[in-house]
Amino acid sequence: MISIGNLPDSSFIAIPLAELHYDLFVSPEYLNTIGENVTEEEVLTKYNIAIQELANNTHCWPHDELPLKRLPRFVVESPDLLTDYVKEGMAIGCLPLPLAMPEVKAGRLRLMFEGKYRFPMTVYAVYHSRRYVPAKVKLLIEELKGKMQVAINQYS
């Protein structure tokens, strides 16, 4: 299994594979509605926010730098669905760069606050037993370790 973010204490084994960066994005239409000079405080108190819920039941958001003051309007597990919500002008979203940057280049999304709130999340390969790990699982993990970061960086 592939998982993003730290897992709670469990019997699972987690092998770090790559770093995936997230940042805040908005559609040009929603930005026109809320205004080009929107502040962080306004984002937190007035406008729709969409975030991804990770496998460890935490929210993918820069909590340390920009603590949420209310529940987000949309909480989804799929980063693709989250990206669609933001592109459709339904909310401001915290998106993974490999999904968001092609949309920025195409003019369908805009980066908010000049990347001030960008943060990394670790991508893990997760499996359940140290005793017996099939050779093909070991091979897959090694292959992912070698190629995943390169692929992520290509689209970021």
N, C-alpha and C. Protein backbone atom coordinates (compact mmCIF):
# COMPACT_ATOMS: atom_id res chain seq x y z
N MET A 1 0.85 -1.16 0.00
CA MET A 1 0.00 0.00 0.00
C MET A 1 0.90 1.23 0.00
N ILE A 2 0.47 2.28 -0.67
CA ILE A 2 1.17 3.56 -0.66
C ILE A 2 0.35 4.50 0.21
N SER A 3 1.03 5.23 1.11
CA SER A 3 0.35 6.13 2.03
C SER A 3 1.13 7.44 2.12
N ILE A 4 0.40 8.52 2.32
CA ILE A 4 1.01 9.85 2.48
C ILE A 4 0.83 10.29 3.92
N GLY A 5 1.90 10.81 4.52
CA GLY A 5 1.85 11.28 5.90
C GLY A 5 2.18 10.18 6.87
N ASN A 6 2.56 10.59 8.07
CA ASN A 6 2.94 9.63 9.10
C ASN A 6 1.75 8.79 9.52
N LEU A 7 2.01 7.53 9.75
CA LEU A 7 0.96 6.62 10.21
C LEU A 7 0.92 6.62 11.73
N PRO A 8 -0.24 6.41 12.30
CA PRO A 8 -0.30 6.26 13.76
C PRO A 8 0.43 4.98 14.15
N ASP A 9 0.75 4.87 15.41
CA ASP A 9 1.40 3.64 15.87
C ASP A 9 0.57 2.44 15.46
N SER A 10 1.24 1.48 14.84
CA SER A 10 0.54 0.29 14.39
C SER A 10 1.56 -0.80 14.16
N SER A 11 1.09 -1.93 13.75
CA SER A 11 1.99 -3.03 13.45
C SER A 11 2.50 -2.95 12.01
N PHE A 12 2.06 -1.97 11.24
CA PHE A 12 2.52 -1.83 9.87
C PHE A 12 3.96 -1.33 9.80
N ILE A 13 4.63 -1.71 8.75
CA ILE A 13 5.98 -1.24 8.47
C ILE A 13 5.86 -0.18 7.38
N ALA A 14 6.48 0.99 7.60
CA ALA A 14 6.40 2.09 6.64
C ALA A 14 7.81 2.44 6.16
N ILE A 15 8.03 2.37 4.86
CA ILE A 15 9.31 2.69 4.25
C ILE A 15 9.16 4.01 3.48
N PRO A 16 9.92 5.06 3.84
CA PRO A 16 9.81 6.32 3.11
C PRO A 16 10.26 6.16 1.66
N LEU A 17 9.47 6.71 0.74
CA LEU A 17 9.78 6.62 -0.68
C LEU A 17 10.14 7.97 -1.30
N ALA A 18 9.44 9.03 -0.88
CA ALA A 18 9.63 10.33 -1.52
C ALA A 18 8.98 11.42 -0.67
N GLU A 19 9.25 12.66 -1.05
CA GLU A 19 8.60 13.82 -0.45
C GLU A 19 7.66 14.41 -1.49
N LEU A 20 6.42 14.66 -1.08
CA LEU A 20 5.41 15.26 -1.94
C LEU A 20 5.04 16.61 -1.33
N HIS A 21 5.21 17.68 -2.10
CA HIS A 21 4.92 19.01 -1.57
C HIS A 21 3.49 19.44 -1.91
N TYR A 22 2.90 20.15 -0.98
CA TYR A 22 1.55 20.70 -1.10
C TYR A 22 1.61 22.22 -0.97
N ASP A 23 0.61 22.88 -1.56
CA ASP A 23 0.50 24.33 -1.41
C ASP A 23 -0.97 24.71 -1.63
N LEU A 24 -1.26 25.99 -1.42
CA LEU A 24 -2.62 26.49 -1.53
C LEU A 24 -2.88 27.03 -2.94
N PHE A 25 -4.01 26.61 -3.52
CA PHE A 25 -4.37 27.00 -4.87
C PHE A 25 -5.83 27.42 -4.93
N VAL A 26 -6.15 28.19 -5.96
CA VAL A 26 -7.51 28.67 -6.17
C VAL A 26 -7.74 28.80 -7.67
N SER A 27 -8.98 28.66 -8.09
CA SER A 27 -9.29 28.87 -9.51
C SER A 27 -9.34 30.38 -9.77
N PRO A 28 -9.05 30.80 -10.99
CA PRO A 28 -9.17 32.23 -11.31
C PRO A 28 -10.58 32.78 -11.06
N GLU A 29 -11.60 31.95 -11.32
CA GLU A 29 -12.98 32.40 -11.11
C GLU A 29 -13.26 32.66 -9.63
N TYR A 30 -12.83 31.71 -8.79
CA TYR A 30 -13.07 31.88 -7.34
C TYR A 30 -12.25 33.05 -6.81
N LEU A 31 -11.04 33.23 -7.34
CA LEU A 31 -10.21 34.36 -6.93
C LEU A 31 -10.87 35.68 -7.31
N ASN A 32 -11.53 35.74 -8.46
CA ASN A 32 -12.27 36.95 -8.84
C ASN A 32 -13.40 37.23 -7.86
N THR A 33 -14.03 36.16 -7.37
CA THR A 33 -15.12 36.31 -6.41
C THR A 33 -14.62 36.82 -5.06
N ILE A 34 -13.51 36.27 -4.58
CA ILE A 34 -13.04 36.63 -3.24
C ILE A 34 -12.10 37.84 -3.26
N GLY A 35 -11.54 38.15 -4.42
CA GLY A 35 -10.66 39.31 -4.54
C GLY A 35 -9.19 38.93 -4.56
N GLU A 36 -8.45 39.61 -5.41
CA GLU A 36 -7.02 39.35 -5.59
C GLU A 36 -6.22 39.56 -4.30
N ASN A 37 -6.65 40.48 -3.47
CA ASN A 37 -5.89 40.82 -2.26
C ASN A 37 -6.43 40.13 -1.01
N VAL A 38 -7.00 38.95 -1.18
CA VAL A 38 -7.53 38.21 -0.03
C VAL A 38 -6.40 37.92 0.95
N THR A 39 -6.72 38.02 2.23
CA THR A 39 -5.72 37.77 3.28
C THR A 39 -5.86 36.35 3.83
N GLU A 40 -4.82 35.93 4.53
CA GLU A 40 -4.87 34.62 5.17
C GLU A 40 -6.04 34.53 6.15
N GLU A 41 -6.25 35.59 6.89
CA GLU A 41 -7.35 35.62 7.87
C GLU A 41 -8.70 35.44 7.18
N GLU A 42 -8.88 36.09 6.05
CA GLU A 42 -10.14 35.95 5.31
C GLU A 42 -10.32 34.52 4.78
N VAL A 43 -9.23 33.92 4.31
CA VAL A 43 -9.31 32.53 3.84
C VAL A 43 -9.78 31.63 4.97
N LEU A 44 -9.24 31.85 6.15
CA LEU A 44 -9.55 30.99 7.30
C LEU A 44 -10.94 31.22 7.87
N THR A 45 -11.50 32.40 7.69
CA THR A 45 -12.76 32.72 8.35
C THR A 45 -13.95 32.88 7.41
N LYS A 46 -13.73 33.20 6.13
CA LYS A 46 -14.85 33.57 5.27
C LYS A 46 -15.11 32.66 4.08
N TYR A 47 -14.08 32.02 3.54
CA TYR A 47 -14.22 31.35 2.25
C TYR A 47 -14.12 29.83 2.37
N ASN A 48 -14.66 29.17 1.35
CA ASN A 48 -14.65 27.71 1.32
C ASN A 48 -13.23 27.17 1.22
N ILE A 49 -12.94 26.17 2.02
CA ILE A 49 -11.66 25.49 2.00
C ILE A 49 -11.91 24.02 1.70
N ALA A 50 -11.05 23.44 0.86
CA ALA A 50 -11.13 22.01 0.53
C ALA A 50 -9.79 21.38 0.85
N ILE A 51 -9.81 20.28 1.61
CA ILE A 51 -8.56 19.61 1.97
C ILE A 51 -8.69 18.10 1.82
N GLN A 52 -7.54 17.47 1.77
CA GLN A 52 -7.47 16.02 1.64
C GLN A 52 -7.31 15.40 3.01
N GLU A 53 -8.10 14.36 3.26
CA GLU A 53 -7.92 13.58 4.48
C GLU A 53 -7.01 12.40 4.15
N LEU A 54 -5.96 12.26 4.93
CA LEU A 54 -4.97 11.22 4.69
C LEU A 54 -5.35 9.91 5.37
N ALA A 55 -4.60 8.86 5.06
CA ALA A 55 -4.89 7.54 5.62
C ALA A 55 -4.83 7.51 7.14
N ASN A 56 -4.06 8.41 7.73
CA ASN A 56 -3.95 8.44 9.19
C ASN A 56 -5.01 9.34 9.83
N ASN A 57 -6.03 9.70 9.07
CA ASN A 57 -7.15 10.54 9.52
C ASN A 57 -6.74 11.95 9.91
N THR A 58 -5.64 12.42 9.35
CA THR A 58 -5.27 13.83 9.54
C THR A 58 -5.58 14.58 8.25
N HIS A 59 -5.64 15.87 8.36
CA HIS A 59 -5.92 16.72 7.21
C HIS A 59 -4.63 17.27 6.64
N CYS A 60 -4.52 17.27 5.34
CA CYS A 60 -3.35 17.77 4.65
C CYS A 60 -3.50 19.29 4.51
N TRP A 61 -2.91 20.00 5.43
CA TRP A 61 -3.03 21.46 5.51
C TRP A 61 -1.84 21.97 6.31
N PRO A 62 -1.31 23.18 6.01
CA PRO A 62 -0.16 23.70 6.78
C PRO A 62 -0.59 24.21 8.16
N HIS A 63 -0.97 23.29 9.04
CA HIS A 63 -1.54 23.63 10.34
C HIS A 63 -0.63 24.51 11.20
N ASP A 64 0.68 24.26 11.16
CA ASP A 64 1.59 25.03 12.01
C ASP A 64 1.64 26.50 11.61
N GLU A 65 1.68 26.77 10.32
CA GLU A 65 1.78 28.15 9.84
C GLU A 65 0.43 28.82 9.64
N LEU A 66 -0.60 28.04 9.38
CA LEU A 66 -1.91 28.59 9.05
C LEU A 66 -3.00 27.72 9.68
N PRO A 67 -3.15 27.78 11.02
CA PRO A 67 -4.12 26.90 11.70
C PRO A 67 -5.56 27.17 11.26
N LEU A 68 -6.28 26.10 10.98
CA LEU A 68 -7.69 26.24 10.61
C LEU A 68 -8.49 26.78 11.79
N LYS A 69 -9.42 27.69 11.50
CA LYS A 69 -10.26 28.28 12.55
C LYS A 69 -11.68 27.73 12.51
N ARG A 70 -11.95 26.93 11.47
CA ARG A 70 -13.27 26.31 11.33
C ARG A 70 -13.11 25.07 10.47
N LEU A 71 -14.13 24.25 10.43
CA LEU A 71 -14.07 23.04 9.62
C LEU A 71 -14.05 23.40 8.14
N PRO A 72 -13.27 22.67 7.35
CA PRO A 72 -13.27 22.92 5.90
C PRO A 72 -14.62 22.58 5.29
N ARG A 73 -14.95 23.23 4.19
CA ARG A 73 -16.21 22.98 3.49
C ARG A 73 -16.20 21.59 2.85
N PHE A 74 -15.04 21.19 2.31
CA PHE A 74 -14.92 19.90 1.66
C PHE A 74 -13.72 19.16 2.23
N VAL A 75 -13.93 17.90 2.61
CA VAL A 75 -12.85 17.01 3.04
C VAL A 75 -12.99 15.74 2.21
N VAL A 76 -11.98 15.46 1.39
CA VAL A 76 -12.04 14.31 0.49
C VAL A 76 -10.78 13.46 0.65
N GLU A 77 -10.87 12.21 0.24
CA GLU A 77 -9.71 11.33 0.29
C GLU A 77 -8.93 11.35 -1.02
N SER A 78 -9.56 11.71 -2.09
CA SER A 78 -8.94 11.66 -3.41
C SER A 78 -8.32 13.02 -3.78
N PRO A 79 -7.02 13.06 -4.04
CA PRO A 79 -6.42 14.32 -4.47
C PRO A 79 -6.93 14.77 -5.84
N ASP A 80 -7.33 13.81 -6.69
CA ASP A 80 -7.89 14.18 -7.99
C ASP A 80 -9.23 14.89 -7.84
N LEU A 81 -10.08 14.36 -6.98
CA LEU A 81 -11.37 14.98 -6.72
C LEU A 81 -11.17 16.36 -6.08
N LEU A 82 -10.24 16.46 -5.17
CA LEU A 82 -9.94 17.73 -4.54
C LEU A 82 -9.51 18.76 -5.58
N THR A 83 -8.64 18.35 -6.50
CA THR A 83 -8.19 19.25 -7.56
C THR A 83 -9.37 19.70 -8.42
N ASP A 84 -10.28 18.79 -8.72
CA ASP A 84 -11.47 19.14 -9.50
C ASP A 84 -12.33 20.17 -8.77
N TYR A 85 -12.54 19.99 -7.47
CA TYR A 85 -13.32 20.97 -6.69
C TYR A 85 -12.71 22.36 -6.80
N VAL A 86 -11.40 22.42 -6.67
CA VAL A 86 -10.73 23.72 -6.70
C VAL A 86 -10.80 24.30 -8.12
N LYS A 87 -10.55 23.49 -9.14
CA LYS A 87 -10.63 23.98 -10.53
C LYS A 87 -12.01 24.51 -10.86
N GLU A 88 -13.04 23.89 -10.30
CA GLU A 88 -14.42 24.31 -10.58
C GLU A 88 -14.83 25.56 -9.80
N GLY A 89 -13.93 26.10 -8.99
CA GLY A 89 -14.23 27.33 -8.27
C GLY A 89 -15.09 27.12 -7.04
N MET A 90 -15.04 25.92 -6.48
CA MET A 90 -15.87 25.63 -5.31
C MET A 90 -15.18 25.97 -3.99
N ALA A 91 -13.82 26.09 -4.01
CA ALA A 91 -13.10 26.32 -2.76
C ALA A 91 -11.64 26.65 -3.05
N ILE A 92 -10.97 27.09 -2.01
CA ILE A 92 -9.51 27.21 -1.99
C ILE A 92 -9.01 25.85 -1.53
N GLY A 93 -7.98 25.31 -2.18
CA GLY A 93 -7.55 23.97 -1.83
C GLY A 93 -6.07 23.85 -1.57
N CYS A 94 -5.75 22.90 -0.72
CA CYS A 94 -4.37 22.53 -0.43
C CYS A 94 -4.07 21.30 -1.29
N LEU A 95 -3.32 21.51 -2.37
CA LEU A 95 -3.16 20.49 -3.39
C LEU A 95 -1.71 20.02 -3.52
N PRO A 96 -1.52 18.76 -3.92
CA PRO A 96 -0.16 18.29 -4.21
C PRO A 96 0.35 18.97 -5.49
N LEU A 97 1.59 19.41 -5.46
CA LEU A 97 2.15 20.15 -6.60
C LEU A 97 2.09 19.39 -7.92
N PRO A 98 2.35 18.07 -7.95
CA PRO A 98 2.28 17.40 -9.26
C PRO A 98 0.91 17.45 -9.91
N LEU A 99 -0.15 17.56 -9.13
CA LEU A 99 -1.49 17.71 -9.71
C LEU A 99 -1.81 19.16 -10.03
N ALA A 100 -1.32 20.08 -9.21
CA ALA A 100 -1.70 21.48 -9.35
C ALA A 100 -0.88 22.24 -10.40
N MET A 101 0.41 21.98 -10.49
CA MET A 101 1.25 22.80 -11.36
C MET A 101 0.88 22.71 -12.85
N PRO A 102 0.51 21.55 -13.39
CA PRO A 102 0.05 21.55 -14.78
C PRO A 102 -1.21 22.39 -14.97
N GLU A 103 -2.06 22.43 -13.95
CA GLU A 103 -3.27 23.27 -14.02
C GLU A 103 -2.92 24.76 -13.93
N VAL A 104 -1.90 25.09 -13.17
CA VAL A 104 -1.42 26.48 -13.11
C VAL A 104 -0.89 26.89 -14.49
N LYS A 105 -0.08 26.03 -15.08
CA LYS A 105 0.49 26.33 -16.41
C LYS A 105 -0.60 26.50 -17.46
N ALA A 106 -1.70 25.75 -17.31
CA ALA A 106 -2.81 25.84 -18.26
C ALA A 106 -3.77 26.99 -17.94
N GLY A 107 -3.53 27.70 -16.83
CA GLY A 107 -4.37 28.83 -16.47
C GLY A 107 -5.64 28.46 -15.72
N ARG A 108 -5.77 27.21 -15.30
CA ARG A 108 -6.98 26.77 -14.60
C ARG A 108 -6.88 26.90 -13.08
N LEU A 109 -5.66 27.10 -12.57
CA LEU A 109 -5.44 27.32 -11.13
C LEU A 109 -4.43 28.43 -10.94
N ARG A 110 -4.49 29.05 -9.76
CA ARG A 110 -3.51 30.07 -9.37
C ARG A 110 -2.95 29.70 -8.01
N LEU A 111 -1.64 29.88 -7.85
CA LEU A 111 -0.97 29.68 -6.58
C LEU A 111 -1.33 30.84 -5.66
N MET A 112 -1.61 30.53 -4.40
CA MET A 112 -1.96 31.59 -3.45
C MET A 112 -0.76 31.94 -2.58
N PHE A 113 -0.67 33.18 -2.18
CA PHE A 113 0.33 33.68 -1.22
C PHE A 113 1.76 33.36 -1.64
N GLU A 114 2.00 33.32 -2.97
CA GLU A 114 3.34 33.15 -3.54
C GLU A 114 4.10 31.95 -2.97
N GLY A 115 3.40 30.89 -2.64
CA GLY A 115 4.04 29.67 -2.15
C GLY A 115 4.51 29.74 -0.70
N LYS A 116 4.03 30.72 0.02
CA LYS A 116 4.46 30.93 1.41
C LYS A 116 4.13 29.74 2.32
N TYR A 117 3.08 29.00 2.00
CA TYR A 117 2.62 27.91 2.87
C TYR A 117 2.92 26.52 2.31
N ARG A 118 3.87 26.43 1.41
CA ARG A 118 4.26 25.13 0.85
C ARG A 118 4.87 24.25 1.94
N PHE A 119 4.51 22.98 1.93
CA PHE A 119 5.04 22.06 2.94
C PHE A 119 5.14 20.66 2.35
N PRO A 120 6.09 19.85 2.87
CA PRO A 120 6.26 18.48 2.37
C PRO A 120 5.50 17.46 3.20
N MET A 121 5.11 16.39 2.56
CA MET A 121 4.56 15.20 3.22
C MET A 121 5.33 14.01 2.68
N THR A 122 5.65 13.08 3.55
CA THR A 122 6.39 11.90 3.12
C THR A 122 5.44 10.85 2.55
N VAL A 123 5.84 10.26 1.45
CA VAL A 123 5.10 9.16 0.82
C VAL A 123 5.78 7.87 1.28
N TYR A 124 4.97 6.94 1.77
CA TYR A 124 5.49 5.68 2.31
C TYR A 124 4.94 4.48 1.54
N ALA A 125 5.78 3.45 1.48
CA ALA A 125 5.29 2.12 1.12
C ALA A 125 4.99 1.45 2.45
N VAL A 126 3.80 0.88 2.57
CA VAL A 126 3.37 0.29 3.84
C VAL A 126 3.04 -1.18 3.62
N TYR A 127 3.57 -2.01 4.51
CA TYR A 127 3.24 -3.43 4.46
C TYR A 127 3.12 -3.95 5.89
N HIS A 128 2.65 -5.15 6.05
CA HIS A 128 2.21 -5.60 7.37
C HIS A 128 3.15 -6.51 8.13
N SER A 129 4.19 -7.05 7.54
CA SER A 129 4.99 -8.01 8.27
C SER A 129 6.46 -7.89 7.93
N ARG A 130 7.29 -7.85 8.96
CA ARG A 130 8.74 -7.87 8.75
C ARG A 130 9.24 -9.29 8.50
N ARG A 131 8.52 -10.25 9.03
CA ARG A 131 8.97 -11.64 8.95
C ARG A 131 9.04 -12.16 7.52
N TYR A 132 7.97 -11.93 6.79
CA TYR A 132 7.95 -12.45 5.43
C TYR A 132 7.52 -11.34 4.49
N VAL A 133 8.47 -10.86 3.72
CA VAL A 133 8.17 -9.87 2.68
C VAL A 133 8.54 -10.54 1.36
N PRO A 134 7.55 -10.80 0.52
CA PRO A 134 7.84 -11.46 -0.76
C PRO A 134 8.88 -10.69 -1.58
N ALA A 135 9.66 -11.41 -2.34
CA ALA A 135 10.71 -10.80 -3.16
C ALA A 135 10.13 -9.74 -4.10
N LYS A 136 8.95 -10.00 -4.66
CA LYS A 136 8.38 -9.03 -5.59
C LYS A 136 7.97 -7.73 -4.88
N VAL A 137 7.58 -7.82 -3.60
CA VAL A 137 7.27 -6.61 -2.83
C VAL A 137 8.56 -5.82 -2.56
N LYS A 138 9.62 -6.52 -2.18
CA LYS A 138 10.91 -5.86 -1.96
C LYS A 138 11.39 -5.18 -3.24
N LEU A 139 11.25 -5.86 -4.35
CA LEU A 139 11.66 -5.31 -5.64
C LEU A 139 10.83 -4.06 -6.00
N LEU A 140 9.53 -4.14 -5.77
CA LEU A 140 8.66 -2.99 -6.04
C LEU A 140 9.06 -1.80 -5.18
N ILE A 141 9.32 -2.02 -3.90
CA ILE A 141 9.71 -0.92 -3.01
C ILE A 141 11.01 -0.30 -3.48
N GLU A 142 11.98 -1.10 -3.85
CA GLU A 142 13.26 -0.57 -4.33
C GLU A 142 13.07 0.23 -5.62
N GLU A 143 12.23 -0.26 -6.50
CA GLU A 143 11.94 0.44 -7.75
C GLU A 143 11.27 1.79 -7.48
N LEU A 144 10.31 1.80 -6.56
CA LEU A 144 9.62 3.04 -6.21
C LEU A 144 10.57 4.04 -5.55
N LYS A 145 11.43 3.54 -4.67
CA LYS A 145 12.41 4.42 -4.01
C LYS A 145 13.30 5.11 -5.04
N GLY A 146 13.63 4.40 -6.10
CA GLY A 146 14.52 4.95 -7.11
C GLY A 146 13.84 5.90 -8.08
N LYS A 147 12.56 5.74 -8.29
CA LYS A 147 11.90 6.50 -9.36
C LYS A 147 10.82 7.48 -8.91
N MET A 148 10.23 7.26 -7.74
CA MET A 148 9.09 8.09 -7.35
C MET A 148 9.46 9.57 -7.19
N GLN A 149 10.55 9.87 -6.50
CA GLN A 149 10.92 11.27 -6.29
C GLN A 149 11.21 11.96 -7.62
N VAL A 150 11.86 11.25 -8.53
CA VAL A 150 12.14 11.82 -9.85
C VAL A 150 10.83 12.18 -10.56
N ALA A 151 9.86 11.26 -10.51
CA ALA A 151 8.57 11.51 -11.16
C ALA A 151 7.83 12.67 -10.49
N ILE A 152 7.86 12.73 -9.18
CA ILE A 152 7.20 13.83 -8.46
C ILE A 152 7.83 15.16 -8.84
N ASN A 153 9.16 15.21 -8.85
CA ASN A 153 9.86 16.45 -9.17
C ASN A 153 9.61 16.91 -10.59
N GLN A 154 9.39 15.98 -11.49
CA GLN A 154 9.14 16.30 -12.89
C GLN A 154 7.89 17.16 -13.05
N TYR A 155 6.89 16.95 -12.20
CA TYR A 155 5.62 17.67 -12.32
C TYR A 155 5.44 18.77 -11.29
N SER A 156 6.42 18.99 -10.46
CA SER A 156 6.26 19.99 -9.38
C SER A 156 6.78 21.35 -9.77
